Amino acid sequence: MLPPVITDPAFYAVAVPAVLLMGVSKSGFGAGFGALAVPLMALAVPVPQAAAILLPLLLVMDVLGLAALVKEADRGLLRLLLPAGLLGTVIGTVLFGLLPAHVVAGVVGALTLLFLAQRLFFPAQADAPPPPRWLGFALGTASGFTSFVAHAGGPPVSVYLLPLRLQPVVFTATMAVFFAAVNASKWVPYAWLGLIDLTNMATSVALMPLAPLGVWLGVRFVRRVDQRLFYRLIYLGMFLTGTKLLWDGLR
């Protein structure tokens, strides 16, 4: 007997673009758009179920992204961010049943929009010092937490990385390694919380072909796009993501 799979066409109408957005975002092209995946799927299923369905897909995307980009990652930044991100997943596990998902979404959205407003009205100077390491650890922890709750970890860590003005491939690779580790750390807590079940996993398998397609599309673009356009697309993705998450929180 085959395991039960979600068959509602309305679910796939939002799940297909959500998975493709996540795949493109995992490659670094349009970073920030991936945080829209869970809110999109939440139009058809509860937020925890959407997060559980996406988790196996993230594993496939992480493997593909690491294979293409791992050598380009900034190891110094990873030594700072990885422990912070893993701490964030521990906090997410403890608070998962206490904080409603819409509250987390609203906070992430508000912080993202505040960062973009600061960048718009007070642009960083070329000779400005990099942000302090304590801020990187705090935002890495916040990223691990929001990633655990709603796979929306991109905006917080981007707030720290964007002022560093890394080369696009270095930015992309560092994000890829960071989230591969964070996503791998979610499996045991998700199972403990009862989110890993046959229906969710079978639905993930049905959506699996879209995962490499999204990553492939993103990797093709990230190595060809101009650096200025690259960061403009990231800011656009963060604006759309922040607006959607804030709306979800207020609604």
Protein backbone atom coordinates (compact mmCIF):
# COMPACT_ATOMS: atom_id res chain seq x y z
CA MET A 1 0.00 0.00 0.00
CA LEU A 2 1.38 3.39 -1.02
CA PRO A 3 1.80 6.03 1.71
CA PRO A 4 -0.84 8.79 1.71
CA VAL A 5 0.06 11.88 -0.32
CA ILE A 6 -1.65 15.27 -0.30
CA THR A 7 -3.86 15.31 -3.40
CA ASP A 8 -5.51 18.74 -3.11
CA PRO A 9 -4.76 20.69 -6.34
CA ALA A 10 -4.83 23.95 -4.38
CA PHE A 11 -1.87 22.70 -2.33
CA TYR A 12 0.25 22.03 -5.41
CA ALA A 13 -0.73 25.38 -6.91
CA VAL A 14 1.20 27.04 -4.09
CA ALA A 15 3.73 24.26 -3.33
CA VAL A 16 5.28 24.14 -6.82
CA PRO A 17 6.27 27.84 -6.95
CA ALA A 18 7.28 27.67 -3.28
CA VAL A 19 9.75 24.83 -3.90
CA LEU A 20 11.16 26.52 -7.01
CA LEU A 21 11.63 29.78 -5.08
CA MET A 22 13.39 27.90 -2.31
CA GLY A 23 15.71 26.19 -4.80
CA VAL A 24 16.62 29.42 -6.58
CA SER A 25 17.20 31.12 -3.23
CA LYS A 26 19.43 28.25 -2.03
CA SER A 27 21.78 29.02 -4.91
CA GLY A 28 22.09 32.61 -3.65
CA PHE A 29 20.33 34.17 -6.63
CA GLY A 30 17.43 36.17 -5.24
CA ALA A 31 18.43 35.31 -1.69
CA GLY A 32 15.57 36.04 0.67
CA PHE A 33 12.87 34.76 -1.66
CA GLY A 34 13.18 31.33 -0.03
CA ALA A 35 11.61 32.71 3.12
CA LEU A 36 8.39 33.05 1.12
CA ALA A 37 8.12 29.26 0.68
CA VAL A 38 6.47 28.43 4.03
CA PRO A 39 4.08 31.43 3.93
CA LEU A 40 3.04 30.40 0.41
CA MET A 41 2.43 26.78 1.37
CA ALA A 42 0.66 27.94 4.53
CA LEU A 43 -2.15 29.14 2.26
CA ALA A 44 -3.06 25.46 1.87
CA VAL A 45 -1.67 23.61 4.93
CA PRO A 46 -0.70 24.58 8.52
CA VAL A 47 2.71 26.21 8.98
CA PRO A 48 4.27 23.26 10.89
CA GLN A 49 3.19 20.84 8.17
CA ALA A 50 4.55 23.12 5.45
CA ALA A 51 7.90 23.27 7.26
CA ALA A 52 7.99 19.48 7.62
CA ILE A 53 7.23 18.89 3.93
CA LEU A 54 10.00 21.27 2.89
CA LEU A 55 12.67 19.73 5.15
CA PRO A 56 13.58 16.74 2.90
CA LEU A 57 13.58 19.06 -0.11
CA LEU A 58 16.01 21.34 1.69
CA LEU A 59 18.30 18.36 2.26
CA VAL A 60 18.46 17.70 -1.50
CA MET A 61 19.00 21.40 -2.24
CA ASP A 62 21.75 21.62 0.39
CA VAL A 63 23.62 18.67 -1.11
CA LEU A 64 23.43 20.17 -4.60
CA GLY A 65 24.40 23.62 -3.37
CA LEU A 66 27.35 22.33 -1.36
CA ALA A 67 28.64 20.33 -4.31
CA ALA A 68 28.69 23.45 -6.46
CA LEU A 69 29.81 26.08 -3.95
CA VAL A 70 31.44 24.69 -0.79
CA LYS A 71 35.00 25.60 -1.82
CA GLU A 72 34.05 29.26 -2.13
CA ALA A 73 32.68 29.69 1.42
CA ASP A 74 34.33 32.12 3.87
CA ARG A 75 35.57 29.84 6.67
CA GLY A 76 36.17 32.70 9.09
CA LEU A 77 32.55 33.77 8.87
CA LEU A 78 31.36 30.19 9.24
CA ARG A 79 33.35 29.76 12.47
CA LEU A 80 31.34 32.68 13.84
CA LEU A 81 27.93 31.90 12.39
CA LEU A 82 27.61 28.11 12.63
CA PRO A 83 27.63 27.84 16.46
CA ALA A 84 25.14 30.71 16.58
CA GLY A 85 22.82 29.08 14.06
CA LEU A 86 22.86 25.76 15.92
CA LEU A 87 22.08 27.58 19.16
CA GLY A 88 19.10 29.11 17.37
CA THR A 89 17.75 25.68 16.45
CA VAL A 90 17.97 24.62 20.11
CA ILE A 91 15.98 27.71 21.11
CA GLY A 92 13.49 26.97 18.33
CA THR A 93 13.00 23.42 19.62
CA VAL A 94 12.28 24.66 23.14
CA LEU A 95 9.93 27.46 22.08
CA PHE A 96 8.25 25.75 19.12
CA GLY A 97 5.04 25.03 20.99
CA LEU A 98 4.99 28.34 22.87
CA LEU A 99 5.34 31.00 20.15
CA PRO A 100 2.73 31.11 17.40
CA ALA A 101 4.29 30.95 13.93
CA HIS A 102 2.64 34.24 12.91
CA VAL A 103 4.38 36.07 15.78
CA VAL A 104 7.79 34.83 14.62
CA ALA A 105 6.92 35.75 11.04
CA GLY A 106 5.91 39.27 12.04
CA VAL A 107 9.11 39.90 14.02
CA VAL A 108 11.32 38.66 11.17
CA GLY A 109 9.41 40.76 8.67
CA ALA A 110 9.65 43.93 10.77
CA LEU A 111 13.39 43.54 11.36
CA THR A 112 13.98 42.89 7.65
CA LEU A 113 12.11 46.03 6.61
CA LEU A 114 13.88 48.11 9.26
CA PHE A 115 17.25 46.96 7.93
CA LEU A 116 16.29 47.85 4.37
CA ALA A 117 15.07 51.29 5.49
CA GLN A 118 18.39 51.86 7.27
CA ARG A 119 20.31 50.86 4.12
CA LEU A 120 18.17 53.20 2.01
CA PHE A 121 18.32 56.31 4.18
CA PHE A 122 21.76 55.75 5.72
CA PRO A 123 23.78 53.90 3.05
CA ALA A 124 27.05 52.36 4.18
CA GLN A 125 30.20 54.27 3.25
CA ALA A 126 32.96 52.54 1.32
CA ASP A 127 35.37 52.97 4.25
CA ALA A 128 32.83 51.98 6.93
CA PRO A 129 34.07 49.30 9.37
CA PRO A 130 32.43 45.86 9.18
CA PRO A 131 29.63 45.17 11.66
CA PRO A 132 30.81 43.83 15.05
CA ARG A 133 31.17 40.08 15.54
CA TRP A 134 28.74 40.05 18.48
CA LEU A 135 26.07 41.29 16.06
CA GLY A 136 26.94 38.46 13.69
CA PHE A 137 26.50 35.92 16.49
CA ALA A 138 23.17 37.44 17.57
CA LEU A 139 21.82 37.51 14.02
CA GLY A 140 23.14 34.01 13.35
CA THR A 141 21.21 32.79 16.40
CA ALA A 142 18.10 34.61 15.22
CA SER A 143 18.56 33.03 11.80
CA GLY A 144 18.78 29.52 13.27
CA PHE A 145 15.63 30.15 15.30
CA THR A 146 13.52 31.56 12.44
CA SER A 147 14.83 28.85 10.13
CA PHE A 148 13.70 26.18 12.58
CA VAL A 149 10.23 27.64 13.01
CA ALA A 150 9.42 28.61 9.41
CA HIS A 151 12.51 28.05 7.18
CA ALA A 152 12.81 31.85 7.16
CA GLY A 153 16.41 32.18 8.32
CA GLY A 154 17.70 34.11 5.32
CA PRO A 155 16.81 37.71 6.29
CA PRO A 156 18.50 37.83 9.75
CA VAL A 157 21.88 36.47 8.65
CA SER A 158 21.72 38.56 5.47
CA VAL A 159 21.53 41.68 7.65
CA TYR A 160 25.02 40.81 8.91
CA LEU A 161 26.53 39.58 5.65
CA LEU A 162 25.30 42.25 3.23
CA PRO A 163 27.34 45.16 4.68
CA LEU A 164 30.49 43.03 4.21
CA ARG A 165 30.06 43.35 0.42
CA LEU A 166 31.33 39.87 -0.29
CA GLN A 167 31.74 38.65 -3.84
CA PRO A 168 28.44 37.09 -4.99
CA VAL A 169 29.87 33.55 -5.15
CA VAL A 170 31.46 33.89 -1.67
CA PHE A 171 28.20 35.25 -0.24
CA THR A 172 26.24 32.42 -1.85
CA ALA A 173 28.65 29.69 -0.74
CA THR A 174 28.80 30.93 2.85
CA MET A 175 25.01 30.99 3.06
CA ALA A 176 24.84 27.50 1.50
CA VAL A 177 27.18 25.92 4.06
CA PHE A 178 25.56 27.75 6.97
CA PHE A 179 22.02 26.63 6.11
CA ALA A 180 23.11 23.09 5.21
CA ALA A 181 24.32 22.68 8.80
CA VAL A 182 21.25 24.40 10.28
CA ASN A 183 18.83 22.32 8.20
CA ALA A 184 20.63 19.07 9.09
CA SER A 185 20.22 19.92 12.78
CA LYS A 186 16.42 20.11 12.44
CA TRP A 187 15.74 16.44 11.68
CA VAL A 188 15.85 15.03 15.21
CA PRO A 189 13.82 17.88 16.78
CA TYR A 190 11.22 17.72 13.97
CA ALA A 191 10.84 13.97 14.52
CA TRP A 192 10.62 14.50 18.28
CA LEU A 193 7.88 17.09 17.73
CA GLY A 194 5.90 14.63 15.59
CA LEU A 195 6.31 16.48 12.27
CA ILE A 196 8.00 13.63 10.40
CA ASP A 197 5.10 11.42 9.27
CA LEU A 198 4.22 9.35 6.19
CA THR A 199 1.93 11.93 4.60
CA ASN A 200 4.44 14.76 4.87
CA MET A 201 7.38 12.64 3.67
CA ALA A 202 5.42 11.13 0.75
CA THR A 203 4.36 14.62 -0.33
CA SER A 204 8.01 15.71 -0.17
CA VAL A 205 8.93 12.84 -2.51
CA ALA A 206 6.21 13.95 -4.95
CA LEU A 207 7.73 17.46 -5.03
CA MET A 208 11.36 16.24 -5.10
CA PRO A 209 12.04 16.74 -8.86
CA LEU A 210 11.52 20.48 -8.41
CA ALA A 211 14.37 20.79 -5.89
CA PRO A 212 17.33 20.29 -8.26
CA LEU A 213 15.56 22.31 -10.96
CA GLY A 214 15.34 25.37 -8.72
CA VAL A 215 18.97 25.09 -7.58
CA TRP A 216 20.18 24.58 -11.16
CA LEU A 217 18.36 27.70 -12.34
CA GLY A 218 19.81 29.76 -9.50
CA VAL A 219 23.42 28.53 -9.90
CA ARG A 220 23.35 29.32 -13.62
CA PHE A 221 22.40 32.92 -12.89
CA VAL A 222 24.54 33.63 -9.81
CA ARG A 223 27.82 33.04 -11.71
CA ARG A 224 26.78 35.34 -14.53
CA VAL A 225 25.00 38.24 -12.90
CA ASP A 226 26.68 41.62 -12.27
CA GLN A 227 27.54 42.25 -8.61
CA ARG A 228 25.48 45.45 -8.43
CA LEU A 229 22.43 43.75 -9.93
CA PHE A 230 23.01 40.77 -7.63
CA TYR A 231 22.65 42.89 -4.51
CA ARG A 232 19.70 44.80 -5.90
CA LEU A 233 17.90 41.49 -6.40
CA ILE A 234 18.74 40.47 -2.84
CA TYR A 235 17.29 43.73 -1.50
CA LEU A 236 14.17 43.22 -3.62
CA GLY A 237 13.80 39.68 -2.30
CA MET A 238 14.23 40.87 1.28
CA PHE A 239 11.66 43.64 0.76
CA LEU A 240 9.05 41.25 -0.62
CA THR A 241 9.84 38.69 2.07
CA GLY A 242 9.74 41.24 4.89
CA THR A 243 6.45 42.66 3.68
CA LYS A 244 4.83 39.23 3.38
CA LEU A 245 6.08 38.04 6.77
CA LEU A 246 5.01 41.27 8.50
CA TRP A 247 1.58 40.98 6.90
CA ASP A 248 1.30 37.40 8.11
CA GLY A 249 2.24 38.52 11.63
CA LEU A 250 -0.28 41.35 11.73
CA ARG A 251 -3.04 39.30 10.15
